[in-house]
C-alpha cells in the first residue's frame, strides 16, 4: 500500500508536488497534471527518492505505483511524459512518453487448437 499527499504550499495549479510514501522510502514527485478523455496526463515528471537507492524501484515499481493511483482515482489510463534528465543514465535526454493502463488481472490463455 502506498500513501500520496499533495503538498499544497509547494504546488501551484497545474503543477503538483507530492510525496509518495512506500515501505522502502519516499518518492517525491513533481509534474504538471491534467486530464483528457483518455485519462490522466502527467507532463514534465520529475522524481526524487528519499531513502531509496537509484534502482530500488525500477521501471516495474513505478508502473505499480501509477496503477495504484489509477485504481484509486477510478481512471483507466495515464500518459506520463518525463522531464529532461538532469542526472543518471543519459543526462540531457528526454525520455519517451509512457502510457500506463489499469491492471485487469491475468489474461486468459489462448485456447489450444
Protein backbone atom coordinates (compact mmCIF):
# COMPACT_ATOMS: atom_id res chain seq x y z
CA UNK A 1 0.00 0.00 0.00
CA UNK A 2 1.23 3.48 -0.84
CA UNK A 3 0.32 6.90 0.53
CA UNK A 4 0.19 10.05 -1.58
CA UNK A 5 -0.39 13.56 -0.29
CA UNK A 6 -0.26 16.72 -2.40
CA UNK A 7 1.91 19.39 -0.76
CA UNK A 8 -0.29 22.43 -1.27
CA UNK A 9 2.27 25.11 -0.30
CA UNK A 10 4.77 23.71 -2.87
CA UNK A 11 2.16 23.16 -5.61
CA UNK A 12 0.71 25.75 -7.95
CA UNK A 13 -2.00 24.58 -10.32
CA UNK A 14 -1.49 22.80 -12.70
CA UNK A 15 1.88 21.73 -11.20
CA UNK A 16 1.70 19.42 -8.20
CA UNK A 17 4.32 18.26 -5.73
CA UNK A 18 3.51 15.09 -3.84
CA UNK A 19 5.50 12.68 -1.67
CA UNK A 20 4.66 9.04 -2.38
CA UNK A 21 5.25 7.04 0.80
CA UNK A 22 6.41 3.49 0.14
CA UNK A 23 7.53 0.75 2.52
CA UNK A 24 11.16 1.21 1.40
CA UNK A 25 11.23 5.05 1.42
CA UNK A 26 9.62 8.13 -0.08
CA UNK A 27 9.46 9.19 -3.70
CA UNK A 28 8.97 12.94 -4.15
CA UNK A 29 7.10 13.62 -7.39
CA UNK A 30 6.57 16.85 -9.32
CA UNK A 31 4.58 17.14 -12.57
CA UNK A 32 2.09 19.20 -14.47
CA UNK A 33 -1.16 17.31 -14.06
CA UNK A 34 -4.14 17.28 -16.38
CA UNK A 35 -6.99 15.13 -17.56
CA UNK A 36 -8.19 14.20 -21.03
CA UNK A 37 -10.90 11.93 -22.41
CA UNK A 38 -8.32 9.14 -22.31
CA UNK A 39 -7.32 9.65 -18.68
CA UNK A 40 -4.65 11.23 -16.51
CA UNK A 41 -1.82 13.28 -18.03
CA UNK A 42 1.47 13.83 -16.16
CA UNK A 43 3.78 16.14 -18.08
CA UNK A 44 7.37 17.06 -17.21
CA UNK A 45 7.52 14.43 -14.46
CA UNK A 46 10.43 14.74 -12.01
CA UNK A 47 11.05 12.15 -9.29
CA UNK A 48 13.46 12.17 -6.36
CA UNK A 49 13.95 9.28 -3.96
CA UNK A 50 14.36 9.93 -0.23
CA UNK A 51 15.70 6.82 1.47
CA UNK A 52 15.64 4.99 -1.87
CA UNK A 53 18.62 3.88 -3.91
CA UNK A 54 18.91 4.61 -7.62
CA UNK A 55 17.50 1.21 -8.62
CA UNK A 56 15.28 0.33 -5.63
CA UNK A 57 12.01 0.79 -7.55
CA UNK A 58 12.88 0.24 -11.17
CA UNK A 59 10.52 0.54 -14.09
CA UNK A 60 8.10 -2.09 -12.77
CA UNK A 61 7.89 -0.40 -9.37
CA UNK A 62 6.99 2.92 -10.97
CA UNK A 63 4.33 1.21 -13.12
CA UNK A 64 2.88 -0.43 -10.00
CA UNK A 65 2.66 2.95 -8.24
CA UNK A 66 0.91 4.52 -11.23
CA UNK A 67 -1.56 1.63 -11.46
CA UNK A 68 -2.44 2.05 -7.78
CA UNK A 69 -3.06 5.77 -8.42
CA UNK A 70 -5.28 4.93 -11.40
CA UNK A 71 -7.22 2.39 -9.33
CA UNK A 72 -7.67 4.91 -6.51
CA UNK A 73 -8.91 7.61 -8.91
CA UNK A 74 -11.04 5.21 -10.98
CA UNK A 75 -9.22 6.24 -14.17
CA UNK A 76 -8.42 3.75 -16.93
CA UNK A 77 -5.10 5.11 -18.22
CA UNK A 78 -2.33 7.66 -17.82
CA UNK A 79 0.23 9.16 -20.15
CA UNK A 80 3.47 10.18 -18.45
CA UNK A 81 5.91 12.50 -20.18
CA UNK A 82 9.13 12.83 -18.24
CA UNK A 83 11.29 15.91 -18.00
CA UNK A 84 14.78 16.16 -19.47
CA UNK A 85 17.10 14.03 -17.32
CA UNK A 86 19.48 16.03 -15.15
CA UNK A 87 21.42 13.07 -13.67
CA UNK A 88 21.73 9.31 -14.03
CA UNK A 89 21.75 7.48 -17.34
CA UNK A 90 21.82 9.90 -20.25
CA UNK A 91 21.68 13.38 -18.69
CA UNK A 92 20.13 15.87 -21.11
CA UNK A 93 17.97 13.15 -22.70
CA UNK A 94 14.18 13.46 -22.88
CA UNK A 95 12.56 10.09 -22.09
CA UNK A 96 9.82 8.88 -24.41
CA UNK A 97 6.21 9.22 -23.18
CA UNK A 98 4.87 6.22 -21.31
CA UNK A 99 1.25 5.02 -21.39
CA UNK A 100 0.03 3.06 -18.37
CA UNK A 101 -3.32 1.28 -18.15
CA UNK A 102 -5.07 -0.19 -15.13
CA UNK A 103 -4.17 -3.80 -14.46
CA UNK A 104 -7.11 -6.08 -15.11
CA UNK A 105 -5.63 -9.27 -13.71
CA UNK A 106 -4.08 -12.14 -15.61
CA UNK A 107 -5.17 -12.60 -19.19
CA UNK A 108 -6.80 -15.86 -20.13
CA UNK A 109 -4.54 -18.15 -22.09
CA UNK A 110 -5.33 -18.61 -25.77
CA UNK A 111 -7.36 -21.77 -26.47
CA UNK A 112 -5.35 -24.75 -27.71
CA UNK A 113 -6.02 -25.96 -31.21
